[in-house]
Amino acid sequence: MYASFAADEADKHSDVEFWLFFTTRRRAEIHLRSWCADIAPVSYGLLNEFGTYVAFFPGLVRGEFHFATRTDAGRHRGGRRHRQ
């Protein structure tokens, strides 16, 4: 988890944001909406312009889920994507 919730700066309009790292093989097997639906029912889901899966849960709780591979781990620091 990163961003406002992790920094203890969240308010009622904040979303939840996570970086999730998997092996390349496991990442290819994951159905994004189904994975998020295991957390809570997904009212709506989409890929945003950065390729991040955004799920809207009941009560308009918005979650950003960055599904990445372990090889991506070195390029992601502090909740921001970095090019190598």
C-alpha atoms as a PDB file:
ATOM      1  CA  MET A   1       0.000   0.000   0.000  1.00  0.00           C
ATOM      2  CA  TYR A   2       1.217   3.485  -0.741  1.00  0.00           C
ATOM      3  CA  ALA A   3       0.025   7.085  -1.068  1.00  0.00           C
ATOM      4  CA  SER A   4      -2.312   8.856   1.342  1.00  0.00           C
ATOM      5  CA  PHE A   5      -3.463   5.842   3.390  1.00  0.00           C
ATOM      6  CA  ALA A   6       0.085   4.589   3.882  1.00  0.00           C
ATOM      7  CA  ALA A   7       1.209   8.097   4.844  1.00  0.00           C
ATOM      8  CA  ASP A   8      -1.736   8.415   7.276  1.00  0.00           C
ATOM      9  CA  GLU A   9      -3.016  11.389   5.255  1.00  0.00           C
ATOM     10  CA  ALA A  10      -6.204   9.865   3.822  1.00  0.00           C
ATOM     11  CA  ASP A  11      -9.538  11.600   3.890  1.00  0.00           C
ATOM     12  CA  LYS A  12     -13.053  10.567   2.862  1.00  0.00           C
ATOM     13  CA  HIS A  13     -12.193  11.131  -0.823  1.00  0.00           C
ATOM     14  CA  SER A  14      -8.982   9.088  -0.850  1.00  0.00           C
ATOM     15  CA  ASP A  15      -8.603   5.876  -2.801  1.00  0.00           C
ATOM     16  CA  VAL A  16      -6.568   2.832  -1.821  1.00  0.00           C
ATOM     17  CA  GLU A  17      -3.481   2.072  -3.877  1.00  0.00           C
ATOM     18  CA  PHE A  18      -1.384  -1.077  -4.002  1.00  0.00           C
ATOM     19  CA  TRP A  19       1.609  -2.446  -5.878  1.00  0.00           C
ATOM     20  CA  LEU A  20       1.297  -6.224  -6.219  1.00  0.00           C
ATOM     21  CA  PHE A  21       4.257  -8.262  -7.476  1.00  0.00           C
ATOM     22  CA  PHE A  22       3.951 -11.744  -8.952  1.00  0.00           C
ATOM     23  CA  THR A  23       6.100 -14.133 -10.930  1.00  0.00           C
ATOM     24  CA  THR A  24       5.726 -13.574 -14.662  1.00  0.00           C
ATOM     25  CA  ARG A  25       3.856 -16.868 -15.006  1.00  0.00           C
ATOM     26  CA  ARG A  26       1.416 -16.131 -12.171  1.00  0.00           C
ATOM     27  CA  ARG A  27       0.800 -12.562 -13.401  1.00  0.00           C
ATOM     28  CA  ALA A  28      -0.241 -13.921 -16.800  1.00  0.00           C
ATOM     29  CA  GLU A  29      -2.832 -16.163 -15.105  1.00  0.00           C
ATOM     30  CA  ILE A  30      -4.532 -13.451 -13.057  1.00  0.00           C
ATOM     31  CA  HIS A  31      -7.931 -12.127 -14.088  1.00  0.00           C
ATOM     32  CA  LEU A  32      -7.827  -8.608 -12.629  1.00  0.00           C
ATOM     33  CA  ARG A  33     -11.519  -8.113 -11.888  1.00  0.00           C
ATOM     34  CA  SER A  34     -11.857 -11.556 -10.302  1.00  0.00           C
ATOM     35  CA  TRP A  35      -8.771 -10.979  -8.156  1.00  0.00           C
ATOM     36  CA  CYS A  36     -10.221  -7.692  -6.865  1.00  0.00           C
ATOM     37  CA  ALA A  37     -13.672  -9.253  -6.397  1.00  0.00           C
ATOM     38  CA  ASP A  38     -12.112 -11.584  -3.832  1.00  0.00           C
ATOM     39  CA  ILE A  39     -11.597  -8.447  -1.708  1.00  0.00           C
ATOM     40  CA  ALA A  40     -15.118  -7.033  -2.136  1.00  0.00           C
ATOM     41  CA  PRO A  41     -17.771  -6.955  -4.859  1.00  0.00           C
ATOM     42  CA  VAL A  42     -16.551  -4.875  -7.802  1.00  0.00           C
ATOM     43  CA  SER A  43     -19.183  -2.444  -9.068  1.00  0.00           C
ATOM     44  CA  TYR A  44     -17.045  -1.319 -12.003  1.00  0.00           C
ATOM     45  CA  GLY A  45     -13.503  -1.944 -13.165  1.00  0.00           C
ATOM     46  CA  LEU A  46     -11.228  -0.556 -15.856  1.00  0.00           C
ATOM     47  CA  LEU A  47      -7.629  -0.143 -16.964  1.00  0.00           C
ATOM     48  CA  ASN A  48      -6.603   3.496 -16.758  1.00  0.00           C
ATOM     49  CA  GLU A  49      -4.284   5.332 -19.152  1.00  0.00           C
ATOM     50  CA  PHE A  50      -1.233   4.015 -17.262  1.00  0.00           C
ATOM     51  CA  GLY A  51      -2.309   0.357 -17.437  1.00  0.00           C
ATOM     52  CA  THR A  52      -3.336   0.283 -13.779  1.00  0.00           C
ATOM     53  CA  TYR A  53      -6.471  -1.666 -12.878  1.00  0.00           C
ATOM     54  CA  VAL A  54      -8.984   0.569 -11.101  1.00  0.00           C
ATOM     55  CA  ALA A  55     -11.800  -1.110  -9.188  1.00  0.00           C
ATOM     56  CA  PHE A  56     -14.825   0.649  -7.755  1.00  0.00           C
ATOM     57  CA  PHE A  57     -16.223  -1.103  -4.722  1.00  0.00           C
ATOM     58  CA  PRO A  58     -19.547  -0.493  -2.907  1.00  0.00           C
ATOM     59  CA  GLY A  59     -19.852   3.001  -1.453  1.00  0.00           C
ATOM     60  CA  LEU A  60     -17.727   4.320  -4.349  1.00  0.00           C
ATOM     61  CA  VAL A  61     -14.515   3.175  -2.687  1.00  0.00           C
ATOM     62  CA  ARG A  62     -11.913   3.361  -5.441  1.00  0.00           C
ATOM     63  CA  GLY A  63      -8.887   1.095  -5.520  1.00  0.00           C
ATOM     64  CA  GLU A  64      -5.855   1.255  -7.810  1.00  0.00           C
ATOM     65  CA  PHE A  65      -4.082  -2.075  -8.220  1.00  0.00           C
ATOM     66  CA  HIS A  66      -0.732  -2.176  -9.976  1.00  0.00           C
ATOM     67  CA  PHE A  67      -0.326  -5.822 -10.995  1.00  0.00           C
ATOM     68  CA  ALA A  68       3.360  -6.193 -11.785  1.00  0.00           C
ATOM     69  CA  THR A  69       5.966  -8.890 -12.095  1.00  0.00           C
ATOM     70  CA  ARG A  70       8.854  -9.352  -9.710  1.00  0.00           C
ATOM     71  CA  THR A  71      11.180  -8.184 -12.482  1.00  0.00           C
ATOM     72  CA  ASP A  72       9.359  -4.825 -12.351  1.00  0.00           C
ATOM     73  CA  ALA A  73      10.153  -4.425  -8.639  1.00  0.00           C
ATOM     74  CA  GLY A  74      13.428  -2.534  -9.162  1.00  0.00           C
ATOM     75  CA  ARG A  75      11.685   0.074 -11.315  1.00  0.00           C
ATOM     76  CA  HIS A  76       9.037   0.968  -8.734  1.00  0.00           C
ATOM     77  CA  ARG A  77      10.026   2.941  -5.676  1.00  0.00           C
ATOM     78  CA  GLY A  78       7.965   5.061  -3.345  1.00  0.00           C
ATOM     79  CA  GLY A  79       4.726   4.459  -5.240  1.00  0.00           C
ATOM     80  CA  ARG A  80       6.044   5.930  -8.465  1.00  0.00           C
ATOM     81  CA  ARG A  81       7.137   4.214 -11.617  1.00  0.00           C
ATOM     82  CA  HIS A  82      10.761   4.747 -12.589  1.00  0.00           C
ATOM     83  CA  ARG A  83      12.384   3.941 -15.913  1.00  0.00           C
ATOM     84  CA  GLN A  84      15.617   2.028 -15.964  1.00  0.00           C
END
